[in-house]
Amino acid sequence: NFTIFRDLGRGAFGVVSGARFNTTGAMLAIKQMNKKLVKGKKAIKLVQAEKAILEKLGNRPSLFTIWLQYSWSDKDQFY
């Protein structure tokens, strides 16, 4: 459902890429975190806390914050 473009940044667990949501054409940033790295650094609680905070911010809380629109995982990655 997404067309992924170039990398926007890299972090400790993965990469943030620019993407387009194919059905609406909306531009988004997708954060991909490698499950093995997250588990290896014992950071599962950190990732869960980040997701919970982004969910609580709701839809467009401010021009200065990001918000969570979608989240999912596959065999190797958290998105």
C-alpha atoms as a PDB file:
ATOM      1  CA  ASN A   1       0.000   0.000   0.000  1.00  0.00           C
ATOM      2  CA  PHE A   2       3.029   2.307   0.214  1.00  0.00           C
ATOM      3  CA  THR A   3       5.630   3.440  -2.277  1.00  0.00           C
ATOM      4  CA  ILE A   4       8.876   3.973  -0.372  1.00  0.00           C
ATOM      5  CA  PHE A   5      11.312   6.609  -1.614  1.00  0.00           C
ATOM      6  CA  ARG A   6      14.668   7.596  -0.158  1.00  0.00           C
ATOM      7  CA  ASP A   7      15.984   7.354   3.393  1.00  0.00           C
ATOM      8  CA  LEU A   8      15.399  10.458   5.493  1.00  0.00           C
ATOM      9  CA  GLY A   9      17.483   9.389   8.472  1.00  0.00           C
ATOM     10  CA  ARG A  10      19.054   6.508  10.352  1.00  0.00           C
ATOM     11  CA  GLY A  11      18.888   5.616  14.011  1.00  0.00           C
ATOM     12  CA  ALA A  12      20.026   2.960  16.451  1.00  0.00           C
ATOM     13  CA  PHE A  13      17.399   0.394  15.408  1.00  0.00           C
ATOM     14  CA  GLY A  14      16.588   1.201  11.808  1.00  0.00           C
ATOM     15  CA  VAL A  15      15.780   3.824   9.222  1.00  0.00           C
ATOM     16  CA  VAL A  16      13.134   6.471   8.497  1.00  0.00           C
ATOM     17  CA  SER A  17      12.080   6.646   4.838  1.00  0.00           C
ATOM     18  CA  GLY A  18       9.831   8.942   2.876  1.00  0.00           C
ATOM     19  CA  ALA A  19       6.804   7.204   1.402  1.00  0.00           C
ATOM     20  CA  ARG A  20       3.524   7.791  -0.379  1.00  0.00           C
ATOM     21  CA  PHE A  21       0.262   6.120   0.640  1.00  0.00           C
ATOM     22  CA  ASN A  22      -0.915   4.738  -2.704  1.00  0.00           C
ATOM     23  CA  THR A  23      -4.672   5.061  -2.197  1.00  0.00           C
ATOM     24  CA  THR A  24      -4.682   8.745  -1.167  1.00  0.00           C
ATOM     25  CA  GLY A  25      -1.329  10.023  -2.433  1.00  0.00           C
ATOM     26  CA  ALA A  26      -0.493  11.371   1.042  1.00  0.00           C
ATOM     27  CA  MET A  27       3.206  11.728   1.829  1.00  0.00           C
ATOM     28  CA  LEU A  28       4.374  10.025   5.021  1.00  0.00           C
ATOM     29  CA  ALA A  29       7.500   9.038   6.881  1.00  0.00           C
ATOM     30  CA  ILE A  30       7.870   5.348   7.682  1.00  0.00           C
ATOM     31  CA  LYS A  31      10.115   4.251  10.517  1.00  0.00           C
ATOM     32  CA  GLN A  32      11.422   0.695  10.093  1.00  0.00           C
ATOM     33  CA  MET A  33      13.023  -0.939  13.126  1.00  0.00           C
ATOM     34  CA  ASN A  34      14.881  -4.228  12.907  1.00  0.00           C
ATOM     35  CA  LYS A  35      13.375  -6.704  15.382  1.00  0.00           C
ATOM     36  CA  LYS A  36      16.690  -8.474  16.023  1.00  0.00           C
ATOM     37  CA  LEU A  37      18.401  -5.185  16.943  1.00  0.00           C
ATOM     38  CA  VAL A  38      15.549  -4.118  19.219  1.00  0.00           C
ATOM     39  CA  LYS A  39      15.483  -7.464  21.017  1.00  0.00           C
ATOM     40  CA  GLY A  40      19.276  -7.685  21.151  1.00  0.00           C
ATOM     41  CA  LYS A  41      19.533  -4.303  22.878  1.00  0.00           C
ATOM     42  CA  LYS A  42      16.630  -5.212  25.193  1.00  0.00           C
ATOM     43  CA  ALA A  43      14.649  -2.191  24.018  1.00  0.00           C
ATOM     44  CA  ILE A  44      11.215  -3.739  23.522  1.00  0.00           C
ATOM     45  CA  LYS A  45       9.761  -1.598  26.329  1.00  0.00           C
ATOM     46  CA  LEU A  46      11.282   1.520  24.762  1.00  0.00           C
ATOM     47  CA  VAL A  47       9.659   0.767  21.396  1.00  0.00           C
ATOM     48  CA  GLN A  48       6.313  -0.009  23.061  1.00  0.00           C
ATOM     49  CA  ALA A  49       6.476   3.250  25.039  1.00  0.00           C
ATOM     50  CA  GLU A  50       7.243   5.247  21.877  1.00  0.00           C
ATOM     51  CA  LYS A  51       4.237   3.717  20.112  1.00  0.00           C
ATOM     52  CA  ALA A  52       1.958   4.365  23.108  1.00  0.00           C
ATOM     53  CA  ILE A  53       3.008   8.028  23.306  1.00  0.00           C
ATOM     54  CA  LEU A  54       2.476   8.571  19.584  1.00  0.00           C
ATOM     55  CA  GLU A  55      -0.971   6.958  19.841  1.00  0.00           C
ATOM     56  CA  LYS A  56      -1.922   9.231  22.750  1.00  0.00           C
ATOM     57  CA  LEU A  57      -0.964  12.354  20.804  1.00  0.00           C
ATOM     58  CA  GLY A  58      -3.914  11.662  18.550  1.00  0.00           C
ATOM     59  CA  ASN A  59      -4.412  12.933  15.031  1.00  0.00           C
ATOM     60  CA  ARG A  60      -2.469  16.154  14.364  1.00  0.00           C
ATOM     61  CA  PRO A  61      -2.058  17.467  17.902  1.00  0.00           C
ATOM     62  CA  SER A  62       0.315  20.238  16.818  1.00  0.00           C
ATOM     63  CA  LEU A  63       2.358  21.478  13.884  1.00  0.00           C
ATOM     64  CA  PHE A  64       5.481  20.709  15.921  1.00  0.00           C
ATOM     65  CA  THR A  65       4.862  17.041  16.711  1.00  0.00           C
ATOM     66  CA  ILE A  66       4.464  13.870  14.697  1.00  0.00           C
ATOM     67  CA  TRP A  67       1.550  11.505  15.067  1.00  0.00           C
ATOM     68  CA  LEU A  68       0.970   7.824  14.476  1.00  0.00           C
ATOM     69  CA  GLN A  69      -1.250   6.949  11.538  1.00  0.00           C
ATOM     70  CA  TYR A  70      -0.382   3.289  11.003  1.00  0.00           C
ATOM     71  CA  SER A  71       1.692   0.623  12.703  1.00  0.00           C
ATOM     72  CA  TRP A  72       2.376  -2.964  11.783  1.00  0.00           C
ATOM     73  CA  SER A  73       5.105  -5.554  11.827  1.00  0.00           C
ATOM     74  CA  ASP A  74       6.297  -8.398   9.700  1.00  0.00           C
ATOM     75  CA  LYS A  75       8.742 -11.227  10.298  1.00  0.00           C
ATOM     76  CA  ASP A  76      11.822  -8.982  10.455  1.00  0.00           C
ATOM     77  CA  GLN A  77      10.679  -5.379  11.033  1.00  0.00           C
ATOM     78  CA  PHE A  78       8.460  -3.131  13.127  1.00  0.00           C
ATOM     79  CA  TYR A  79       6.875  -0.271  11.149  1.00  0.00           C
END
